[in-house]
Amino acid sequence: MARRQQAESSKEEEEEEEEEEEEEEEEKKVL
């Protein structure tokens, strides 16, 4: 159970990082 939770949490973290990168790129386009 614990390992599965770690894998899911790490996946969510990766997705959040990707979203942040996309937001940064959009901000650069605006500037």
PDB file of N, CA and C in Angstrom:
ATOM      1  N   MET A   1       0.846  -1.209   0.000  1.00  0.00           N
ATOM      2  CA  MET A   1       0.000   0.000   0.000  1.00  0.00           C
ATOM      3  C   MET A   1       0.887   1.269   0.000  1.00  0.00           C
ATOM      4  N   ALA A   2       1.853   1.291   0.894  1.00  0.00           N
ATOM      5  CA  ALA A   2       2.685   2.499   1.009  1.00  0.00           C
ATOM      6  C   ALA A   2       3.408   2.783  -0.304  1.00  0.00           C
ATOM      7  N   ARG A   3       3.960   1.716  -0.917  1.00  0.00           N
ATOM      8  CA  ARG A   3       4.684   1.922  -2.184  1.00  0.00           C
ATOM      9  C   ARG A   3       3.749   2.488  -3.241  1.00  0.00           C
ATOM     10  N   ARG A   4       2.531   1.959  -3.293  1.00  0.00           N
ATOM     11  CA  ARG A   4       1.582   2.435  -4.308  1.00  0.00           C
ATOM     12  C   ARG A   4       1.267   3.914  -4.058  1.00  0.00           C
ATOM     13  N   GLN A   5       1.099   4.292  -2.805  1.00  0.00           N
ATOM     14  CA  GLN A   5       0.805   5.700  -2.509  1.00  0.00           C
ATOM     15  C   GLN A   5       1.985   6.579  -2.929  1.00  0.00           C
ATOM     16  N   GLN A   6       3.204   6.108  -2.691  1.00  0.00           N
ATOM     17  CA  GLN A   6       4.377   6.895  -3.078  1.00  0.00           C
ATOM     18  C   GLN A   6       4.401   7.075  -4.594  1.00  0.00           C
ATOM     19  N   ALA A   7       4.111   6.022  -5.320  1.00  0.00           N
ATOM     20  CA  ALA A   7       4.134   6.106  -6.783  1.00  0.00           C
ATOM     21  C   ALA A   7       3.078   7.098  -7.259  1.00  0.00           C
ATOM     22  N   GLU A   8       1.903   7.037  -6.677  1.00  0.00           N
ATOM     23  CA  GLU A   8       0.836   7.955  -7.101  1.00  0.00           C
ATOM     24  C   GLU A   8       1.215   9.391  -6.758  1.00  0.00           C
ATOM     25  N   SER A   9       1.777   9.614  -5.585  1.00  0.00           N
ATOM     26  CA  SER A   9       2.133  10.978  -5.187  1.00  0.00           C
ATOM     27  C   SER A   9       3.246  11.507  -6.094  1.00  0.00           C
ATOM     28  N   SER A  10       4.214  10.662  -6.438  1.00  0.00           N
ATOM     29  CA  SER A  10       5.296  11.116  -7.309  1.00  0.00           C
ATOM     30  C   SER A  10       4.737  11.445  -8.696  1.00  0.00           C
ATOM     31  N   LYS A  11       3.780  10.683  -9.142  1.00  0.00           N
ATOM     32  CA  LYS A  11       3.156  10.969 -10.452  1.00  0.00           C
ATOM     33  C   LYS A  11       2.464  12.326 -10.395  1.00  0.00           C
ATOM     34  N   GLU A  12       1.736  12.580  -9.326  1.00  0.00           N
ATOM     35  CA  GLU A  12       1.036  13.869  -9.198  1.00  0.00           C
ATOM     36  C   GLU A  12       2.051  15.007  -9.172  1.00  0.00           C
ATOM     37  N   GLU A  13       3.164  14.801  -8.480  1.00  0.00           N
ATOM     38  CA  GLU A  13       4.179  15.857  -8.416  1.00  0.00           C
ATOM     39  C   GLU A  13       4.721  16.149  -9.808  1.00  0.00           C
ATOM     40  N   GLU A  14       4.967  15.109 -10.591  1.00  0.00           N
ATOM     41  CA  GLU A  14       5.482  15.323 -11.944  1.00  0.00           C
ATOM     42  C   GLU A  14       4.476  16.109 -12.777  1.00  0.00           C
ATOM     43  N   GLU A  15       3.201  15.766 -12.656  1.00  0.00           N
ATOM     44  CA  GLU A  15       2.181  16.474 -13.433  1.00  0.00           C
ATOM     45  C   GLU A  15       2.126  17.941 -13.005  1.00  0.00           C
ATOM     46  N   GLU A  16       2.247  18.194 -11.705  1.00  0.00           N
ATOM     47  CA  GLU A  16       2.206  19.579 -11.234  1.00  0.00           C
ATOM     48  C   GLU A  16       3.392  20.354 -11.790  1.00  0.00           C
ATOM     49  N   GLU A  17       4.565  19.718 -11.823  1.00  0.00           N
ATOM     50  CA  GLU A  17       5.750  20.403 -12.353  1.00  0.00           C
ATOM     51  C   GLU A  17       5.536  20.739 -13.823  1.00  0.00           C
ATOM     52  N   GLU A  18       4.956  19.820 -14.576  1.00  0.00           N
ATOM     53  CA  GLU A  18       4.718  20.078 -16.002  1.00  0.00           C
ATOM     54  C   GLU A  18       3.767  21.259 -16.167  1.00  0.00           C
ATOM     55  N   GLU A  19       2.726  21.299 -15.339  1.00  0.00           N
ATOM     56  CA  GLU A  19       1.776  22.414 -15.438  1.00  0.00           C
ATOM     57  C   GLU A  19       2.474  23.730 -15.137  1.00  0.00           C
ATOM     58  N   GLU A  20       3.352  23.735 -14.132  1.00  0.00           N
ATOM     59  CA  GLU A  20       4.067  24.966 -13.785  1.00  0.00           C
ATOM     60  C   GLU A  20       4.947  25.406 -14.941  1.00  0.00           C
ATOM     61  N   GLU A  21       5.604  24.466 -15.595  1.00  0.00           N
ATOM     62  CA  GLU A  21       6.466  24.814 -16.720  1.00  0.00           C
ATOM     63  C   GLU A  21       5.640  25.422 -17.849  1.00  0.00           C
ATOM     64  N   GLU A  22       4.473  24.849 -18.100  1.00  0.00           N
ATOM     65  CA  GLU A  22       3.615  25.385 -19.172  1.00  0.00           C
ATOM     66  C   GLU A  22       3.192  26.812 -18.825  1.00  0.00           C
ATOM     67  N   GLU A  23       2.867  27.045 -17.557  1.00  0.00           N
ATOM     68  CA  GLU A  23       2.456  28.400 -17.151  1.00  0.00           C
ATOM     69  C   GLU A  23       3.603  29.375 -17.355  1.00  0.00           C
ATOM     70  N   GLU A  24       4.823  28.950 -17.031  1.00  0.00           N
ATOM     71  CA  GLU A  24       5.975  29.834 -17.204  1.00  0.00           C
ATOM     72  C   GLU A  24       6.154  30.176 -18.677  1.00  0.00           C
ATOM     73  N   GLU A  25       5.980  29.194 -19.544  1.00  0.00           N
ATOM     74  CA  GLU A  25       6.137  29.450 -20.981  1.00  0.00           C
ATOM     75  C   GLU A  25       5.083  30.458 -21.451  1.00  0.00           C
ATOM     76  N   GLU A  26       3.864  30.319 -20.948  1.00  0.00           N
ATOM     77  CA  GLU A  26       2.808  31.249 -21.352  1.00  0.00           C
ATOM     78  C   GLU A  26       3.156  32.656 -20.890  1.00  0.00           C
ATOM     79  N   GLU A  27       3.718  32.766 -19.692  1.00  0.00           N
ATOM     80  CA  GLU A  27       4.087  34.091 -19.178  1.00  0.00           C
ATOM     81  C   GLU A  27       5.157  34.721 -20.067  1.00  0.00           C
ATOM     82  N   LYS A  28       6.096  33.918 -20.545  1.00  0.00           N
ATOM     83  CA  LYS A  28       7.159  34.443 -21.413  1.00  0.00           C
ATOM     84  C   LYS A  28       6.540  34.968 -22.717  1.00  0.00           C
ATOM     85  N   LYS A  29       5.541  34.271 -23.231  1.00  0.00           N
ATOM     86  CA  LYS A  29       4.913  34.709 -24.483  1.00  0.00           C
ATOM     87  C   LYS A  29       4.250  36.070 -24.284  1.00  0.00           C
ATOM     88  N   VAL A  30       3.648  36.260 -23.116  1.00  0.00           N
ATOM     89  CA  VAL A  30       2.956  37.531 -22.853  1.00  0.00           C
ATOM     90  C   VAL A  30       3.966  38.676 -22.795  1.00  0.00           C
ATOM     91  N   LEU A  31       5.129  38.405 -22.227  1.00  0.00           N
ATOM     92  CA  LEU A  31       6.120  39.480 -22.067  1.00  0.00           C
ATOM     93  C   LEU A  31       6.782  39.854 -23.359  1.00  0.00           C
TER      94      LEU A  31
END
